[in-house]
Amino acid sequence: MAVKTVTIESQDVVFPTLKEAQHYYRKVVEELYNTNLTLSAGQDFDDLKWIYTTYCGYNNYQMSRLKDTDIIGFKGVMAVIQNSGRYVPTECCAVIFADDTQAEFTTDKAIKEIASKQNPR
């Protein structure tokens, strides 16, 4: 399997591997979860915003209602996701919209999709 790089365009940085990108943003989400803080500014905020909107764009998810200014923050939450046929609790990211609604997403899955689009076979 070829190594997939990941370019985070919000800061124009290239992670040499998919795993490195996933690890970095997983740590950001874990810190948000462990500190119970909401991220609403800074480079990690810009990166998560870019990751979320890019991922949604690839999947036409929420794009009819999503505007760049609608996203006001990110926080870490515990969600139950399916993994290999089992449901397991997992720390993931929640995007917070200006209308106070939230949507959960996993940065690992989003980054994997972005890497696949950036590195087609």
PDB file of N, CA and C in Angstrom:
ATOM      1  N   MET A   1       0.841  -1.174   0.000  1.00  0.00           N
ATOM      2  CA  MET A   1       0.000   0.000   0.000  1.00  0.00           C
ATOM      3  C   MET A   1       0.888   1.240   0.000  1.00  0.00           C
ATOM      4  N   ALA A   2       0.591   2.188  -0.834  1.00  0.00           N
ATOM      5  CA  ALA A   2       1.370   3.410  -0.940  1.00  0.00           C
ATOM      6  C   ALA A   2       1.105   4.315   0.262  1.00  0.00           C
ATOM      7  N   VAL A   3       2.136   5.019   0.698  1.00  0.00           N
ATOM      8  CA  VAL A   3       2.003   5.963   1.791  1.00  0.00           C
ATOM      9  C   VAL A   3       1.220   7.163   1.283  1.00  0.00           C
ATOM     10  N   LYS A   4       0.226   7.576   2.066  1.00  0.00           N
ATOM     11  CA  LYS A   4      -0.586   8.726   1.691  1.00  0.00           C
ATOM     12  C   LYS A   4      -0.198   9.919   2.547  1.00  0.00           C
ATOM     13  N   THR A   5       0.153  11.006   1.887  1.00  0.00           N
ATOM     14  CA  THR A   5       0.401  12.247   2.596  1.00  0.00           C
ATOM     15  C   THR A   5      -0.943  12.942   2.799  1.00  0.00           C
ATOM     16  N   VAL A   6      -0.963  13.895   3.713  1.00  0.00           N
ATOM     17  CA  VAL A   6      -2.175  14.673   3.955  1.00  0.00           C
ATOM     18  C   VAL A   6      -1.786  16.136   4.021  1.00  0.00           C
ATOM     19  N   THR A   7      -2.391  16.949   3.173  1.00  0.00           N
ATOM     20  CA  THR A   7      -2.148  18.383   3.185  1.00  0.00           C
ATOM     21  C   THR A   7      -3.330  19.065   3.856  1.00  0.00           C
ATOM     22  N   ILE A   8      -3.047  19.783   4.933  1.00  0.00           N
ATOM     23  CA  ILE A   8      -4.071  20.568   5.626  1.00  0.00           C
ATOM     24  C   ILE A   8      -3.963  21.976   5.055  1.00  0.00           C
ATOM     25  N   GLU A   9      -4.900  22.311   4.196  1.00  0.00           N
ATOM     26  CA  GLU A   9      -4.784  23.540   3.422  1.00  0.00           C
ATOM     27  C   GLU A   9      -4.981  24.803   4.236  1.00  0.00           C
ATOM     28  N   SER A  10      -5.610  24.704   5.411  1.00  0.00           N
ATOM     29  CA  SER A  10      -5.802  25.898   6.231  1.00  0.00           C
ATOM     30  C   SER A  10      -4.475  26.460   6.722  1.00  0.00           C
ATOM     31  N   GLN A  11      -3.452  25.625   6.809  1.00  0.00           N
ATOM     32  CA  GLN A  11      -2.130  26.117   7.208  1.00  0.00           C
ATOM     33  C   GLN A  11      -1.055  25.698   6.208  1.00  0.00           C
ATOM     34  N   ASP A  12      -1.462  25.082   5.123  1.00  0.00           N
ATOM     35  CA  ASP A  12      -0.560  24.659   4.066  1.00  0.00           C
ATOM     36  C   ASP A  12       0.592  23.815   4.616  1.00  0.00           C
ATOM     37  N   VAL A  13       0.246  22.848   5.468  1.00  0.00           N
ATOM     38  CA  VAL A  13       1.232  21.932   6.019  1.00  0.00           C
ATOM     39  C   VAL A  13       0.949  20.543   5.454  1.00  0.00           C
ATOM     40  N   VAL A  14       2.006  19.794   5.231  1.00  0.00           N
ATOM     41  CA  VAL A  14       1.868  18.433   4.721  1.00  0.00           C
ATOM     42  C   VAL A  14       2.345  17.463   5.782  1.00  0.00           C
ATOM     43  N   PHE A  15       1.456  16.578   6.195  1.00  0.00           N
ATOM     44  CA  PHE A  15       1.843  15.479   7.072  1.00  0.00           C
ATOM     45  C   PHE A  15       2.381  14.369   6.170  1.00  0.00           C
ATOM     46  N   PRO A  16       3.539  13.800   6.494  1.00  0.00           N
ATOM     47  CA  PRO A  16       4.135  12.794   5.614  1.00  0.00           C
ATOM     48  C   PRO A  16       3.314  11.510   5.492  1.00  0.00           C
ATOM     49  N   THR A  17       2.490  11.230   6.506  1.00  0.00           N
ATOM     50  CA  THR A  17       1.660  10.022   6.445  1.00  0.00           C
ATOM     51  C   THR A  17       0.268  10.320   6.999  1.00  0.00           C
ATOM     52  N   LEU A  18      -0.663   9.507   6.589  1.00  0.00           N
ATOM     53  CA  LEU A  18      -2.031   9.582   7.096  1.00  0.00           C
ATOM     54  C   LEU A  18      -2.038   9.408   8.613  1.00  0.00           C
ATOM     55  N   LYS A  19      -1.285   8.431   9.103  1.00  0.00           N
ATOM     56  CA  LYS A  19      -1.254   8.138  10.543  1.00  0.00           C
ATOM     57  C   LYS A  19      -0.757   9.331  11.359  1.00  0.00           C
ATOM     58  N   GLU A  20       0.229  10.053  10.854  1.00  0.00           N
ATOM     59  CA  GLU A  20       0.736  11.221  11.582  1.00  0.00           C
ATOM     60  C   GLU A  20      -0.319  12.312  11.680  1.00  0.00           C
ATOM     61  N   ALA A  21      -1.041  12.539  10.591  1.00  0.00           N
ATOM     62  CA  ALA A  21      -2.110  13.540  10.612  1.00  0.00           C
ATOM     63  C   ALA A  21      -3.211  13.127  11.579  1.00  0.00           C
ATOM     64  N   GLN A  22      -3.615  11.859  11.516  1.00  0.00           N
ATOM     65  CA  GLN A  22      -4.656  11.372  12.415  1.00  0.00           C
ATOM     66  C   GLN A  22      -4.213  11.482  13.874  1.00  0.00           C
ATOM     67  N   HIS A  23      -2.974  11.121  14.150  1.00  0.00           N
ATOM     68  CA  HIS A  23      -2.462  11.173  15.513  1.00  0.00           C
ATOM     69  C   HIS A  23      -2.470  12.606  16.050  1.00  0.00           C
ATOM     70  N   TYR A  24      -2.027  13.554  15.249  1.00  0.00           N
ATOM     71  CA  TYR A  24      -1.975  14.954  15.695  1.00  0.00           C
ATOM     72  C   TYR A  24      -3.368  15.454  16.075  1.00  0.00           C
ATOM     73  N   TYR A  25      -4.336  15.260  15.195  1.00  0.00           N
ATOM     74  CA  TYR A  25      -5.674  15.798  15.461  1.00  0.00           C
ATOM     75  C   TYR A  25      -6.432  14.971  16.493  1.00  0.00           C
ATOM     76  N   ARG A  26      -6.105  13.686  16.637  1.00  0.00           N
ATOM     77  CA  ARG A  26      -6.685  12.885  17.711  1.00  0.00           C
ATOM     78  C   ARG A  26      -6.250  13.456  19.059  1.00  0.00           C
ATOM     79  N   LYS A  27      -4.990  13.876  19.157  1.00  0.00           N
ATOM     80  CA  LYS A  27      -4.481  14.480  20.398  1.00  0.00           C
ATOM     81  C   LYS A  27      -5.185  15.811  20.695  1.00  0.00           C
ATOM     82  N   VAL A  28      -5.463  16.593  19.669  1.00  0.00           N
ATOM     83  CA  VAL A  28      -6.195  17.849  19.862  1.00  0.00           C
ATOM     84  C   VAL A  28      -7.575  17.554  20.441  1.00  0.00           C
ATOM     85  N   VAL A  29      -8.280  16.579  19.866  1.00  0.00           N
ATOM     86  CA  VAL A  29      -9.622  16.221  20.327  1.00  0.00           C
ATOM     87  C   VAL A  29      -9.569  15.652  21.743  1.00  0.00           C
ATOM     88  N   GLU A  30      -8.588  14.800  22.026  1.00  0.00           N
ATOM     89  CA  GLU A  30      -8.442  14.238  23.373  1.00  0.00           C
ATOM     90  C   GLU A  30      -8.230  15.341  24.407  1.00  0.00           C
ATOM     91  N   GLU A  31      -7.423  16.334  24.061  1.00  0.00           N
ATOM     92  CA  GLU A  31      -7.180  17.436  24.991  1.00  0.00           C
ATOM     93  C   GLU A  31      -8.465  18.230  25.226  1.00  0.00           C
ATOM     94  N   LEU A  32      -9.221  18.474  24.169  1.00  0.00           N
ATOM     95  CA  LEU A  32     -10.499  19.181  24.328  1.00  0.00           C
ATOM     96  C   LEU A  32     -11.434  18.377  25.227  1.00  0.00           C
ATOM     97  N   TYR A  33     -11.477  17.065  25.024  1.00  0.00           N
ATOM     98  CA  TYR A  33     -12.343  16.211  25.834  1.00  0.00           C
ATOM     99  C   TYR A  33     -11.886  16.209  27.301  1.00  0.00           C
ATOM    100  N   ASN A  34     -10.603  16.021  27.517  1.00  0.00           N
ATOM    101  CA  ASN A  34     -10.082  15.921  28.886  1.00  0.00           C
ATOM    102  C   ASN A  34     -10.186  17.222  29.668  1.00  0.00           C
ATOM    103  N   THR A  35     -10.118  18.356  28.990  1.00  0.00           N
ATOM    104  CA  THR A  35     -10.178  19.655  29.671  1.00  0.00           C
ATOM    105  C   THR A  35     -11.574  20.262  29.652  1.00  0.00           C
ATOM    106  N   ASN A  36     -12.489  19.632  28.914  1.00  0.00           N
ATOM    107  CA  ASN A  36     -13.862  20.128  28.798  1.00  0.00           C
ATOM    108  C   ASN A  36     -13.902  21.568  28.260  1.00  0.00           C
ATOM    109  N   LEU A  37     -12.989  21.867  27.346  1.00  0.00           N
ATOM    110  CA  LEU A  37     -12.919  23.200  26.754  1.00  0.00           C
ATOM    111  C   LEU A  37     -13.506  23.192  25.351  1.00  0.00           C
ATOM    112  N   THR A  38     -13.894  24.376  24.903  1.00  0.00           N
ATOM    113  CA  THR A  38     -14.363  24.568  23.538  1.00  0.00           C
ATOM    114  C   THR A  38     -13.318  25.382  22.794  1.00  0.00           C
ATOM    115  N   LEU A  39     -12.907  24.887  21.644  1.00  0.00           N
ATOM    116  CA  LEU A  39     -11.924  25.567  20.805  1.00  0.00           C
ATOM    117  C   LEU A  39     -12.669  26.487  19.855  1.00  0.00           C
ATOM    118  N   SER A  40     -12.381  27.790  19.924  1.00  0.00           N
ATOM    119  CA  SER A  40     -13.122  28.732  19.085  1.00  0.00           C
ATOM    120  C   SER A  40     -12.230  29.713  18.331  1.00  0.00           C
ATOM    121  N   ALA A  41     -10.925  29.531  18.405  1.00  0.00           N
ATOM    122  CA  ALA A  41      -9.996  30.402  17.678  1.00  0.00           C
ATOM    123  C   ALA A  41      -8.644  29.705  17.596  1.00  0.00           C
ATOM    124  N   GLY A  42      -7.805  30.223  16.720  1.00  0.00           N
ATOM    125  CA  GLY A  42      -6.445  29.710  16.609  1.00  0.00           C
ATOM    126  C   GLY A  42      -6.265  28.735  15.458  1.00  0.00           C
ATOM    127  N   GLN A  43      -5.033  28.253  15.310  1.00  0.00           N
ATOM    128  CA  GLN A  43      -4.686  27.390  14.183  1.00  0.00           C
ATOM    129  C   GLN A  43      -5.411  26.052  14.231  1.00  0.00           C
ATOM    130  N   ASP A  44      -5.494  25.430  15.404  1.00  0.00           N
ATOM    131  CA  ASP A  44      -6.204  24.146  15.486  1.00  0.00           C
ATOM    132  C   ASP A  44      -7.683  24.318  15.153  1.00  0.00           C
ATOM    133  N   PHE A  45      -8.280  25.428  15.565  1.00  0.00           N
ATOM    134  CA  PHE A  45      -9.672  25.716  15.195  1.00  0.00           C
ATOM    135  C   PHE A  45      -9.804  25.818  13.676  1.00  0.00           C
ATOM    136  N   ASP A  46      -8.913  26.597  13.061  1.00  0.00           N
ATOM    137  CA  ASP A  46      -8.945  26.749  11.599  1.00  0.00           C
ATOM    138  C   ASP A  46      -8.758  25.399  10.903  1.00  0.00           C
ATOM    139  N   ASP A  47      -7.852  24.583  11.444  1.00  0.00           N
ATOM    140  CA  ASP A  47      -7.603  23.265  10.847  1.00  0.00           C
ATOM    141  C   ASP A  47      -8.826  22.364  10.956  1.00  0.00           C
ATOM    142  N   LEU A  48      -9.411  22.293  12.151  1.00  0.00           N
ATOM    143  CA  LEU A  48     -10.593  21.440  12.328  1.00  0.00           C
ATOM    144  C   LEU A  48     -11.759  21.925  11.465  1.00  0.00           C
ATOM    145  N   LYS A  49     -11.887  23.223  11.332  1.00  0.00           N
ATOM    146  CA  LYS A  49     -12.932  23.798  10.476  1.00  0.00           C
ATOM    147  C   LYS A  49     -12.704  23.373   9.024  1.00  0.00           C
ATOM    148  N   TRP A  50     -11.459  23.459   8.567  1.00  0.00           N
ATOM    149  CA  TRP A  50     -11.144  23.056   7.202  1.00  0.00           C
ATOM    150  C   TRP A  50     -11.377  21.556   7.019  1.00  0.00           C
ATOM    151  N   ILE A  51     -10.937  20.758   7.979  1.00  0.00           N
ATOM    152  CA  ILE A  51     -11.123  19.308   7.891  1.00  0.00           C
ATOM    153  C   ILE A  51     -12.606  18.972   7.818  1.00  0.00           C
ATOM    154  N   TYR A  52     -13.414  19.572   8.696  1.00  0.00           N
ATOM    155  CA  TYR A  52     -14.846  19.278   8.728  1.00  0.00           C
ATOM    156  C   TYR A  52     -15.535  19.709   7.436  1.00  0.00           C
ATOM    157  N   THR A  53     -15.297  20.931   6.996  1.00  0.00           N
ATOM    158  CA  THR A  53     -15.991  21.412   5.793  1.00  0.00           C
ATOM    159  C   THR A  53     -15.522  20.673   4.546  1.00  0.00           C
ATOM    160  N   THR A  54     -14.253  20.327   4.479  1.00  0.00           N
ATOM    161  CA  THR A  54     -13.742  19.569   3.334  1.00  0.00           C
ATOM    162  C   THR A  54     -14.351  18.180   3.307  1.00  0.00           C
ATOM    163  N   TYR A  55     -14.373  17.523   4.459  1.00  0.00           N
ATOM    164  CA  TYR A  55     -14.977  16.191   4.562  1.00  0.00           C
ATOM    165  C   TYR A  55     -16.464  16.238   4.187  1.00  0.00           C
ATOM    166  N   CYS A  56     -17.175  17.209   4.703  1.00  0.00           N
ATOM    167  CA  CYS A  56     -18.602  17.344   4.373  1.00  0.00           C
ATOM    168  C   CYS A  56     -18.796  17.606   2.880  1.00  0.00           C
ATOM    169  N   GLY A  57     -17.908  18.399   2.294  1.00  0.00           N
ATOM    170  CA  GLY A  57     -17.993  18.673   0.867  1.00  0.00           C
ATOM    171  C   GLY A  57     -17.812  17.427   0.022  1.00  0.00           C
ATOM    172  N   TYR A  58     -16.911  16.559   0.443  1.00  0.00           N
ATOM    173  CA  TYR A  58     -16.689  15.311  -0.285  1.00  0.00           C
ATOM    174  C   TYR A  58     -17.909  14.406  -0.226  1.00  0.00           C
ATOM    175  N   ASN A  59     -18.655  14.503   0.861  1.00  0.00           N
ATOM    176  CA  ASN A  59     -19.797  13.608   1.069  1.00  0.00           C
ATOM    177  C   ASN A  59     -21.145  14.303   0.931  1.00  0.00           C
ATOM    178  N   ASN A  60     -21.141  15.569   0.496  1.00  0.00           N
ATOM    179  CA  ASN A  60     -22.368  16.361   0.367  1.00  0.00           C
ATOM    180  C   ASN A  60     -23.188  16.340   1.647  1.00  0.00           C
ATOM    181  N   TYR A  61     -22.521  16.257   2.773  1.00  0.00           N
ATOM    182  CA  TYR A  61     -23.190  16.191   4.063  1.00  0.00           C
ATOM    183  C   TYR A  61     -23.310  17.586   4.648  1.00  0.00           C
ATOM    184  N   GLN A  62     -24.496  17.973   5.002  1.00  0.00           N
ATOM    185  CA  GLN A  62     -24.791  19.257   5.631  1.00  0.00           C
ATOM    186  C   GLN A  62     -24.438  20.451   4.745  1.00  0.00           C
ATOM    187  N   MET A  63     -24.046  20.222   3.514  1.00  0.00           N
ATOM    188  CA  MET A  63     -23.580  21.337   2.692  1.00  0.00           C
ATOM    189  C   MET A  63     -24.700  22.308   2.338  1.00  0.00           C
ATOM    190  N   SER A  64     -25.932  21.853   2.334  1.00  0.00           N
ATOM    191  CA  SER A  64     -27.025  22.755   2.006  1.00  0.00           C
ATOM    192  C   SER A  64     -27.226  23.809   3.092  1.00  0.00           C
ATOM    193  N   ARG A  65     -26.828  23.493   4.323  1.00  0.00           N
ATOM    194  CA  ARG A  65     -27.023  24.464   5.400  1.00  0.00           C
ATOM    195  C   ARG A  65     -25.726  25.033   5.952  1.00  0.00           C
ATOM    196  N   LEU A  66     -24.597  24.535   5.496  1.00  0.00           N
ATOM    197  CA  LEU A  66     -23.322  24.907   6.082  1.00  0.00           C
ATOM    198  C   LEU A  66     -22.691  26.096   5.368  1.00  0.00           C
ATOM    199  N   LYS A  67     -22.414  27.119   6.158  1.00  0.00           N
ATOM    200  CA  LYS A  67     -21.639  28.264   5.684  1.00  0.00           C
ATOM    201  C   LYS A  67     -20.409  28.339   6.572  1.00  0.00           C
ATOM    202  N   ASP A  68     -19.332  28.849   6.042  1.00  0.00           N
ATOM    203  CA  ASP A  68     -18.080  28.909   6.780  1.00  0.00           C
ATOM    204  C   ASP A  68     -18.242  29.623   8.127  1.00  0.00           C
ATOM    205  N   THR A  69     -19.059  30.670   8.165  1.00  0.00           N
ATOM    206  CA  THR A  69     -19.234  31.435   9.399  1.00  0.00           C
ATOM    207  C   THR A  69     -20.163  30.749  10.384  1.00  0.00           C
ATOM    208  N   ASP A  70     -20.831  29.680   9.971  1.00  0.00           N
ATOM    209  CA  ASP A  70     -21.738  28.974  10.867  1.00  0.00           C
ATOM    210  C   ASP A  70     -20.994  28.206  11.951  1.00  0.00           C
ATOM    211  N   ILE A  71     -19.759  27.846  11.721  1.00  0.00           N
ATOM    212  CA  ILE A  71     -18.992  27.065  12.691  1.00  0.00           C
ATOM    213  C   ILE A  71     -18.342  28.018  13.681  1.00  0.00           C
ATOM    214  N   ILE A  72     -18.697  27.841  14.965  1.00  0.00           N
ATOM    215  CA  ILE A  72     -18.153  28.744  15.989  1.00  0.00           C
ATOM    216  C   ILE A  72     -17.247  28.037  16.989  1.00  0.00           C
ATOM    217  N   GLY A  73     -17.192  26.712  16.940  1.00  0.00           N
ATOM    218  CA  GLY A  73     -16.322  26.033  17.886  1.00  0.00           C
ATOM    219  C   GLY A  73     -16.278  24.531  17.693  1.00  0.00           C
ATOM    220  N   PHE A  74     -15.375  23.921  18.446  1.00  0.00           N
ATOM    221  CA  PHE A  74     -15.217  22.471  18.479  1.00  0.00           C
ATOM    222  C   PHE A  74     -14.980  22.059  19.921  1.00  0.00           C
ATOM    223  N   LYS A  75     -15.512  20.893  20.277  1.00  0.00           N
ATOM    224  CA  LYS A  75     -15.235  20.351  21.604  1.00  0.00           C
ATOM    225  C   LYS A  75     -15.104  18.844  21.500  1.00  0.00           C
ATOM    226  N   GLY A  76     -14.503  18.263  22.502  1.00  0.00           N
ATOM    227  CA  GLY A  76     -14.367  16.813  22.556  1.00  0.00           C
ATOM    228  C   GLY A  76     -15.574  16.213  23.253  1.00  0.00           C
ATOM    229  N   VAL A  77     -16.120  15.151  22.690  1.00  0.00           N
ATOM    230  CA  VAL A  77     -17.280  14.466  23.274  1.00  0.00           C
ATOM    231  C   VAL A  77     -17.051  12.956  23.224  1.00  0.00           C
ATOM    232  N   MET A  78     -17.803  12.238  24.012  1.00  0.00           N
ATOM    233  CA  MET A  78     -17.775  10.781  23.982  1.00  0.00           C
ATOM    234  C   MET A  78     -18.959  10.337  23.121  1.00  0.00           C
ATOM    235  N   ALA A  79     -18.671   9.527  22.133  1.00  0.00           N
ATOM    236  CA  ALA A  79     -19.716   9.016  21.248  1.00  0.00           C
ATOM    237  C   ALA A  79     -19.547   7.508  21.129  1.00  0.00           C
ATOM    238  N   VAL A  80     -20.618   6.852  20.799  1.00  0.00           N
ATOM    239  CA  VAL A  80     -20.569   5.409  20.571  1.00  0.00           C
ATOM    240  C   VAL A  80     -20.537   5.195  19.068  1.00  0.00           C
ATOM    241  N   ILE A  81     -19.465   4.568  18.581  1.00  0.00           N
ATOM    242  CA  ILE A  81     -19.333   4.322  17.147  1.00  0.00           C
ATOM    243  C   ILE A  81     -19.187   2.828  16.900  1.00  0.00           C
ATOM    244  N   GLN A  82     -19.526   2.449  15.688  1.00  0.00           N
ATOM    245  CA  GLN A  82     -19.397   1.048  15.315  1.00  0.00           C
ATOM    246  C   GLN A  82     -17.986   0.801  14.793  1.00  0.00           C
ATOM    247  N   ASN A  83     -17.350  -0.228  15.339  1.00  0.00           N
ATOM    248  CA  ASN A  83     -16.001  -0.588  14.942  1.00  0.00           C
ATOM    249  C   ASN A  83     -15.930  -2.104  14.839  1.00  0.00           C
ATOM    250  N   SER A  84     -15.756  -2.594  13.637  1.00  0.00           N
ATOM    251  CA  SER A  84     -15.678  -4.041  13.385  1.00  0.00           C
ATOM    252  C   SER A  84     -16.899  -4.788  13.929  1.00  0.00           C
ATOM    253  N   GLY A  85     -18.065  -4.196  13.733  1.00  0.00           N
ATOM    254  CA  GLY A  85     -19.298  -4.845  14.145  1.00  0.00           C
ATOM    255  C   GLY A  85     -19.665  -4.654  15.605  1.00  0.00           C
ATOM    256  N   ARG A  86     -18.799  -3.991  16.356  1.00  0.00           N
ATOM    257  CA  ARG A  86     -19.073  -3.732  17.768  1.00  0.00           C
ATOM    258  C   ARG A  86     -19.257  -2.237  17.980  1.00  0.00           C
ATOM    259  N   TYR A  87     -20.064  -1.891  18.956  1.00  0.00           N
ATOM    260  CA  TYR A  87     -20.244  -0.483  19.313  1.00  0.00           C
ATOM    261  C   TYR A  87     -19.357  -0.172  20.503  1.00  0.00           C
ATOM    262  N   VAL A  88     -18.490   0.812  20.317  1.00  0.00           N
ATOM    263  CA  VAL A  88     -17.528   1.152  21.359  1.00  0.00           C
ATOM    264  C   VAL A  88     -17.559   2.659  21.640  1.00  0.00           C
ATOM    265  N   PRO A  89     -17.432   3.041  22.920  1.00  0.00           N
ATOM    266  CA  PRO A  89     -17.347   4.465  23.238  1.00  0.00           C
ATOM    267  C   PRO A  89     -16.004   5.021  22.769  1.00  0.00           C
ATOM    268  N   THR A  90     -16.049   6.161  22.135  1.00  0.00           N
ATOM    269  CA  THR A  90     -14.855   6.758  21.548  1.00  0.00           C
ATOM    270  C   THR A  90     -14.908   8.273  21.711  1.00  0.00           C
ATOM    271  N   GLU A  91     -13.766   8.856  22.035  1.00  0.00           N
ATOM    272  CA  GLU A  91     -13.682  10.311  22.061  1.00  0.00           C
ATOM    273  C   GLU A  91     -13.708  10.803  20.621  1.00  0.00           C
ATOM    274  N   CYS A  92     -14.574  11.755  20.358  1.00  0.00           N
ATOM    275  CA  CYS A  92     -14.618  12.323  19.014  1.00  0.00           C
ATOM    276  C   CYS A  92     -14.848  13.824  19.130  1.00  0.00           C
ATOM    277  N   CYS A  93     -14.985  14.447  18.007  1.00  0.00           N
ATOM    278  CA  CYS A  93     -15.100  15.891  17.948  1.00  0.00           C
ATOM    279  C   CYS A  93     -16.552  16.275  17.682  1.00  0.00           C
ATOM    280  N   ALA A  94     -16.979  17.340  18.308  1.00  0.00           N
ATOM    281  CA  ALA A  94     -18.294  17.903  18.005  1.00  0.00           C
ATOM    282  C   ALA A  94     -18.070  19.305  17.452  1.00  0.00           C
ATOM    283  N   VAL A  95     -18.640  19.555  16.295  1.00  0.00           N
ATOM    284  CA  VAL A  95     -18.591  20.892  15.718  1.00  0.00           C
ATOM    285  C   VAL A  95     -19.806  21.644  16.263  1.00  0.00           C
ATOM    286  N   ILE A  96     -19.582  22.881  16.670  1.00  0.00           N
ATOM    287  CA  ILE A  96     -20.646  23.702  17.239  1.00  0.00           C
ATOM    288  C   ILE A  96     -20.982  24.796  16.228  1.00  0.00           C
ATOM    289  N   PHE A  97     -22.270  24.899  15.909  1.00  0.00           N
ATOM    290  CA  PHE A  97     -22.738  25.882  14.935  1.00  0.00           C
ATOM    291  C   PHE A  97     -23.288  27.114  15.641  1.00  0.00           C
ATOM    292  N   ALA A  98     -23.389  28.198  14.897  1.00  0.00           N
ATOM    293  CA  ALA A  98     -23.858  29.470  15.445  1.00  0.00           C
ATOM    294  C   ALA A  98     -25.269  29.375  16.017  1.00  0.00           C
ATOM    295  N   ASP A  99     -26.075  28.441  15.532  1.00  0.00           N
ATOM    296  CA  ASP A  99     -27.447  28.295  16.057  1.00  0.00           C
ATOM    297  C   ASP A  99     -27.498  27.369  17.273  1.00  0.00           C
ATOM    298  N   ASP A 100     -26.347  27.076  17.880  1.00  0.00           N
ATOM    299  CA  ASP A 100     -26.195  26.222  19.066  1.00  0.00           C
ATOM    300  C   ASP A 100     -26.454  24.747  18.822  1.00  0.00           C
ATOM    301  N   THR A 101     -26.570  24.324  17.572  1.00  0.00           N
ATOM    302  CA  THR A 101     -26.656  22.893  17.289  1.00  0.00           C
ATOM    303  C   THR A 101     -25.241  22.338  17.190  1.00  0.00           C
ATOM    304  N   GLN A 102     -25.133  21.016  17.292  1.00  0.00           N
ATOM    305  CA  GLN A 102     -23.844  20.353  17.226  1.00  0.00           C
ATOM    306  C   GLN A 102     -23.942  19.145  16.312  1.00  0.00           C
ATOM    307  N   ALA A 103     -22.805  18.755  15.770  1.00  0.00           N
ATOM    308  CA  ALA A 103     -22.713  17.529  14.977  1.00  0.00           C
ATOM    309  C   ALA A 103     -21.406  16.846  15.342  1.00  0.00           C
ATOM    310  N   GLU A 104     -21.479  15.548  15.576  1.00  0.00           N
ATOM    311  CA  GLU A 104     -20.283  14.781  15.916  1.00  0.00           C
ATOM    312  C   GLU A 104     -19.593  14.313  14.642  1.00  0.00           C
ATOM    313  N   PHE A 105     -18.275  14.266  14.694  1.00  0.00           N
ATOM    314  CA  PHE A 105     -17.509  13.647  13.609  1.00  0.00           C
ATOM    315  C   PHE A 105     -16.185  13.164  14.160  1.00  0.00           C
ATOM    316  N   THR A 106     -15.640  12.148  13.515  1.00  0.00           N
ATOM    317  CA  THR A 106     -14.341  11.650  13.947  1.00  0.00           C
ATOM    318  C   THR A 106     -13.274  12.198  13.004  1.00  0.00           C
ATOM    319  N   THR A 107     -12.257  12.787  13.582  1.00  0.00           N
ATOM    320  CA  THR A 107     -11.190  13.352  12.766  1.00  0.00           C
ATOM    321  C   THR A 107     -10.462  12.252  11.996  1.00  0.00           C
ATOM    322  N   ASP A 108     -10.318  11.065  12.604  1.00  0.00           N
ATOM    323  CA  ASP A 108      -9.643   9.961  11.911  1.00  0.00           C
ATOM    324  C   ASP A 108     -10.333   9.640  10.588  1.00  0.00           C
ATOM    325  N   LYS A 109     -11.646   9.504  10.630  1.00  0.00           N
ATOM    326  CA  LYS A 109     -12.412   9.163   9.427  1.00  0.00           C
ATOM    327  C   LYS A 109     -12.355  10.299   8.406  1.00  0.00           C
ATOM    328  N   ALA A 110     -12.498  11.533   8.882  1.00  0.00           N
ATOM    329  CA  ALA A 110     -12.465  12.681   7.975  1.00  0.00           C
ATOM    330  C   ALA A 110     -11.106  12.809   7.295  1.00  0.00           C
ATOM    331  N   ILE A 111     -10.037  12.657   8.062  1.00  0.00           N
ATOM    332  CA  ILE A 111      -8.688  12.783   7.499  1.00  0.00           C
ATOM    333  C   ILE A 111      -8.404  11.642   6.533  1.00  0.00           C
ATOM    334  N   LYS A 112      -8.885  10.456   6.837  1.00  0.00           N
ATOM    335  CA  LYS A 112      -8.703   9.323   5.920  1.00  0.00           C
ATOM    336  C   LYS A 112      -9.386   9.604   4.584  1.00  0.00           C
ATOM    337  N   GLU A 113     -10.588  10.150   4.617  1.00  0.00           N
ATOM    338  CA  GLU A 113     -11.311  10.495   3.384  1.00  0.00           C
ATOM    339  C   GLU A 113     -10.556  11.597   2.617  1.00  0.00           C
ATOM    340  N   ILE A 114     -10.067  12.587   3.322  1.00  0.00           N
ATOM    341  CA  ILE A 114      -9.318  13.673   2.682  1.00  0.00           C
ATOM    342  C   ILE A 114      -8.049  13.120   2.024  1.00  0.00           C
ATOM    343  N   ALA A 115      -7.334  12.252   2.738  1.00  0.00           N
ATOM    344  CA  ALA A 115      -6.112  11.650   2.171  1.00  0.00           C
ATOM    345  C   ALA A 115      -6.425  10.842   0.925  1.00  0.00           C
ATOM    346  N   SER A 116      -7.542  10.124   0.926  1.00  0.00           N
ATOM    347  CA  SER A 116      -7.926   9.336  -0.257  1.00  0.00           C
ATOM    348  C   SER A 116      -8.205  10.232  -1.450  1.00  0.00           C
ATOM    349  N   LYS A 117      -8.824  11.371  -1.207  1.00  0.00           N
ATOM    350  CA  LYS A 117      -9.116  12.306  -2.320  1.00  0.00           C
ATOM    351  C   LYS A 117      -7.849  13.001  -2.791  1.00  0.00           C
ATOM    352  N   GLN A 118      -6.942  13.293  -1.864  1.00  0.00           N
ATOM    353  CA  GLN A 118      -5.702  13.983  -2.228  1.00  0.00           C
ATOM    354  C   GLN A 118      -4.701  13.046  -2.906  1.00  0.00           C
ATOM    355  N   ASN A 119      -4.837  11.744  -2.670  1.00  0.00           N
ATOM    356  CA  ASN A 119      -3.903  10.764  -3.212  1.00  0.00           C
ATOM    357  C   ASN A 119      -4.654   9.661  -3.952  1.00  0.00           C
ATOM    358  N   PRO A 120      -5.324  10.015  -5.041  1.00  0.00           N
ATOM    359  CA  PRO A 120      -6.061   8.965  -5.754  1.00  0.00           C
ATOM    360  C   PRO A 120      -5.092   7.929  -6.328  1.00  0.00           C
ATOM    361  N   ARG A 121      -5.574   6.736  -6.450  1.00  0.00           N
ATOM    362  CA  ARG A 121      -4.714   5.651  -6.973  1.00  0.00           C
ATOM    363  C   ARG A 121      -4.448   5.803  -8.429  1.00  0.00           C
TER     364      ARG A 121
END
